[in-house]
Every structure is written in structure tokens, then in C-alpha cells.
Amino acid sequence: MSAPAPAEFLYGVDSSVADDSRFCEPPRVVRFRITKKTPKRIYYVRRERGPGDIEIGYVNRQQIEADGELYNHGAGGWWAPDFHLYLNPPELEQPAKPDLAALRAEMAAAHPDRGGTDVEFIAARQRYQKAKEATA
């Protein structure tokens, strides 16, 4: 018995933004399984809604192999995860983590007992609380 061929993938980035900013998620890499390669095209699974219910897309093989990436105008729009496809997983920028110790020190320095004002302290505390919630 022969071993099955390893699965090959194209990669995209899902950076969908929700209507409410509280529910936004950071961009993530999405894998699209390659189903077939011909000399001119690479066919891949765009969506799989259920067993046997799949949507197939394709891209120009020469272009993606030459450049390592391409814009797939057949994806339906710029918001689709397969609009910008890559041969290898792209590196996503990770947002900088806030320095909680520095924000805490800033909040302490702005305290009215240490010479700050109420307004400065409230603003510093709000920045600290927001950063603390973001890291949780």
C-alpha cells in the first residue's frame, strides 16, 4: 500500500472586520487545499459548506509560482480571504503588547496625592485598564 500524497495548500489572510469593534479579531492565515494542478492553473477549495458541497476556485499557476503571491480577482472581492493568495504562509504583524508596568507607573505619577490632577489620573487609569483588558 502506498502512502497518500501530502496535502498542498495556498494561503490567504482573513482580516474580516465586524460591524461592532468589540468583536473584531486580529487577521489570521487561512489555508486553501489544492485539489488539482495543471500546467496553466492551480485549482483549490474556496469554501467547504459540508460533505460534498464545495466551491472550487483557480489561479494562474505560472504567475503565483513566479511571484509567490497574486491577487485573485475571481474571489468575489477584496474582503474574501482568497483575494490575495500566497504559496507560503504569510507572516502577519503582531500588534505590540502594551507595557503594563509603564502604564501603572504613569497612573501612579498622575495621582492627585503625588501632584497630578484628577483629569490626568482618570485618563491614565483608563489607558491602563484598556491595556490590561486587551492583554487578558
Protein backbone atom coordinates (compact mmCIF):
# COMPACT_ATOMS: atom_id res chain seq x y z
CA MET A 1 0.00 0.00 0.00
CA SER A 2 1.39 3.41 -0.93
CA ALA A 3 1.31 6.41 1.38
CA PRO A 4 -1.15 9.16 0.45
CA ALA A 5 0.30 12.26 -1.18
CA PRO A 6 0.84 15.12 1.26
CA ALA A 7 -1.79 17.83 1.05
CA GLU A 8 -0.70 21.05 -0.59
CA PHE A 9 -2.16 24.45 0.21
CA LEU A 10 -2.45 28.03 -0.94
CA TYR A 11 -2.67 30.62 1.81
CA GLY A 12 -4.75 33.74 2.31
CA VAL A 13 -5.42 36.21 5.10
CA ASP A 14 -8.81 36.59 6.73
CA SER A 15 -8.96 40.13 8.05
CA SER A 16 -12.72 40.48 8.23
CA VAL A 17 -13.93 43.34 10.37
CA ALA A 18 -17.15 43.10 12.32
CA ASP A 19 -19.69 45.94 12.42
CA ASP A 20 -19.05 46.32 16.14
CA SER A 21 -15.40 46.99 17.07
CA ARG A 22 -15.79 44.94 20.26
CA PHE A 23 -15.97 41.78 18.16
CA CYS A 24 -13.05 42.43 15.78
CA GLU A 25 -10.46 39.71 15.65
CA PRO A 26 -6.87 40.06 14.50
CA PRO A 27 -6.06 38.87 10.98
CA ARG A 28 -5.33 35.16 10.64
CA VAL A 29 -3.81 32.93 7.97
CA VAL A 30 -6.29 30.68 6.15
CA ARG A 31 -5.29 27.51 4.26
CA PHE A 32 -6.92 26.55 0.96
CA ARG A 33 -6.41 22.91 -0.04
CA ILE A 34 -5.12 22.41 -3.58
CA THR A 35 -7.19 19.83 -5.44
CA LYS A 36 -5.52 19.82 -8.85
CA LYS A 37 -2.57 21.31 -10.71
CA THR A 38 -2.37 21.70 -14.48
CA PRO A 39 0.37 23.45 -16.45
CA LYS A 40 -1.70 26.67 -16.52
CA ARG A 41 -3.85 26.60 -13.36
CA ILE A 42 -3.95 25.57 -9.72
CA TYR A 43 -7.41 24.55 -8.50
CA TYR A 44 -8.21 24.89 -4.81
CA VAL A 45 -11.15 24.57 -2.42
CA ARG A 46 -12.52 28.08 -1.82
CA ARG A 47 -15.28 27.02 0.58
CA GLU A 48 -16.49 23.77 2.02
CA ARG A 49 -20.01 24.11 3.36
CA GLY A 50 -20.47 20.43 4.12
CA PRO A 51 -19.59 16.97 2.85
CA GLY A 52 -19.75 17.07 -0.94
CA ASP A 53 -20.75 20.75 -1.04
CA ILE A 54 -17.54 22.53 -2.02
CA GLU A 55 -16.74 25.56 -4.13
CA ILE A 56 -13.64 25.33 -6.31
CA GLY A 57 -11.52 28.32 -7.34
CA TYR A 58 -8.45 28.54 -9.53
CA VAL A 59 -5.44 30.79 -10.10
CA ASN A 60 -2.80 31.26 -12.77
CA ARG A 61 -0.07 28.75 -11.92
CA GLN A 62 2.79 30.50 -13.74
CA GLN A 63 2.08 33.82 -12.05
CA ILE A 64 1.82 32.52 -8.48
CA GLU A 65 4.87 30.28 -8.86
CA ALA A 66 6.91 33.16 -10.32
CA ASP A 67 5.87 35.81 -7.77
CA GLY A 68 4.98 33.67 -4.75
CA GLU A 69 1.67 35.53 -4.44
CA LEU A 70 -1.09 37.02 -6.54
CA TYR A 71 -4.33 38.95 -6.35
CA ASN A 72 -7.20 36.65 -7.27
CA HIS A 73 -9.90 38.84 -8.83
CA GLY A 74 -12.12 35.77 -9.22
CA ALA A 75 -12.51 35.58 -5.43
CA GLY A 76 -15.50 37.90 -5.40
CA GLY A 77 -14.00 40.96 -3.72
CA TRP A 78 -11.16 42.38 -1.64
CA TRP A 79 -12.83 41.15 1.56
CA ALA A 80 -12.59 37.45 0.59
CA PRO A 81 -9.74 35.56 2.33
CA ASP A 82 -8.63 34.16 -1.03
CA PHE A 83 -8.43 37.56 -2.77
CA HIS A 84 -4.67 37.74 -2.04
CA LEU A 85 -3.16 34.25 -2.22
CA TYR A 86 0.33 33.10 -1.27
CA LEU A 87 2.35 29.95 -1.99
CA ASN A 88 3.78 30.00 1.55
CA PRO A 89 2.10 31.13 4.76
CA PRO A 90 2.50 34.92 5.07
CA GLU A 91 3.99 36.48 8.18
CA LEU A 92 1.42 38.63 9.95
CA GLU A 93 2.40 41.63 12.00
CA GLN A 94 1.63 41.08 15.64
CA PRO A 95 0.37 44.15 17.47
CA ALA A 96 2.79 45.44 20.08
CA LYS A 97 1.84 44.42 23.59
CA PRO A 98 1.35 47.36 25.91
CA ASP A 99 3.83 47.83 28.74
CA LEU A 100 1.56 47.45 31.77
CA ALA A 101 4.33 48.34 34.23
CA ALA A 102 4.99 51.65 32.46
CA LEU A 103 1.27 52.44 32.30
CA ARG A 104 0.90 51.61 36.01
CA ALA A 105 3.83 53.90 36.86
CA GLU A 106 2.31 56.65 34.70
CA MET A 107 -1.00 56.21 36.52
CA ALA A 108 0.72 56.40 39.93
CA ALA A 109 2.62 59.54 38.90
CA ALA A 110 -0.63 61.20 37.78
CA HIS A 111 -2.37 60.51 41.12
CA PRO A 112 -3.55 63.68 42.91
CA ASP A 113 -1.67 62.63 46.09
CA ARG A 114 1.55 62.78 44.06
CA GLY A 115 0.95 66.15 42.45
CA GLY A 116 -1.23 65.13 39.50
CA THR A 117 -4.73 66.26 38.71
CA ASP A 118 -7.97 64.32 38.78
CA VAL A 119 -8.29 64.59 35.00
CA GLU A 120 -4.74 63.30 34.39
CA PHE A 121 -5.24 60.41 36.80
CA ILE A 122 -8.58 59.38 35.27
CA ALA A 123 -7.09 59.44 31.74
CA ALA A 124 -4.03 57.44 32.86
CA ARG A 125 -6.23 54.90 34.65
CA GLN A 126 -8.43 54.48 31.57
CA ARG A 127 -5.34 53.81 29.40
CA TYR A 128 -4.09 51.26 31.94
CA GLN A 129 -7.47 49.50 32.20
CA LYS A 130 -7.86 49.36 28.42
CA ALA A 131 -4.37 47.88 28.00
CA LYS A 132 -4.97 45.38 30.81
CA GLU A 133 -8.22 44.19 29.19
CA ALA A 134 -6.51 43.88 25.80
CA THR A 135 -3.82 41.58 27.20
CA ALA A 136 -6.29 39.37 29.08
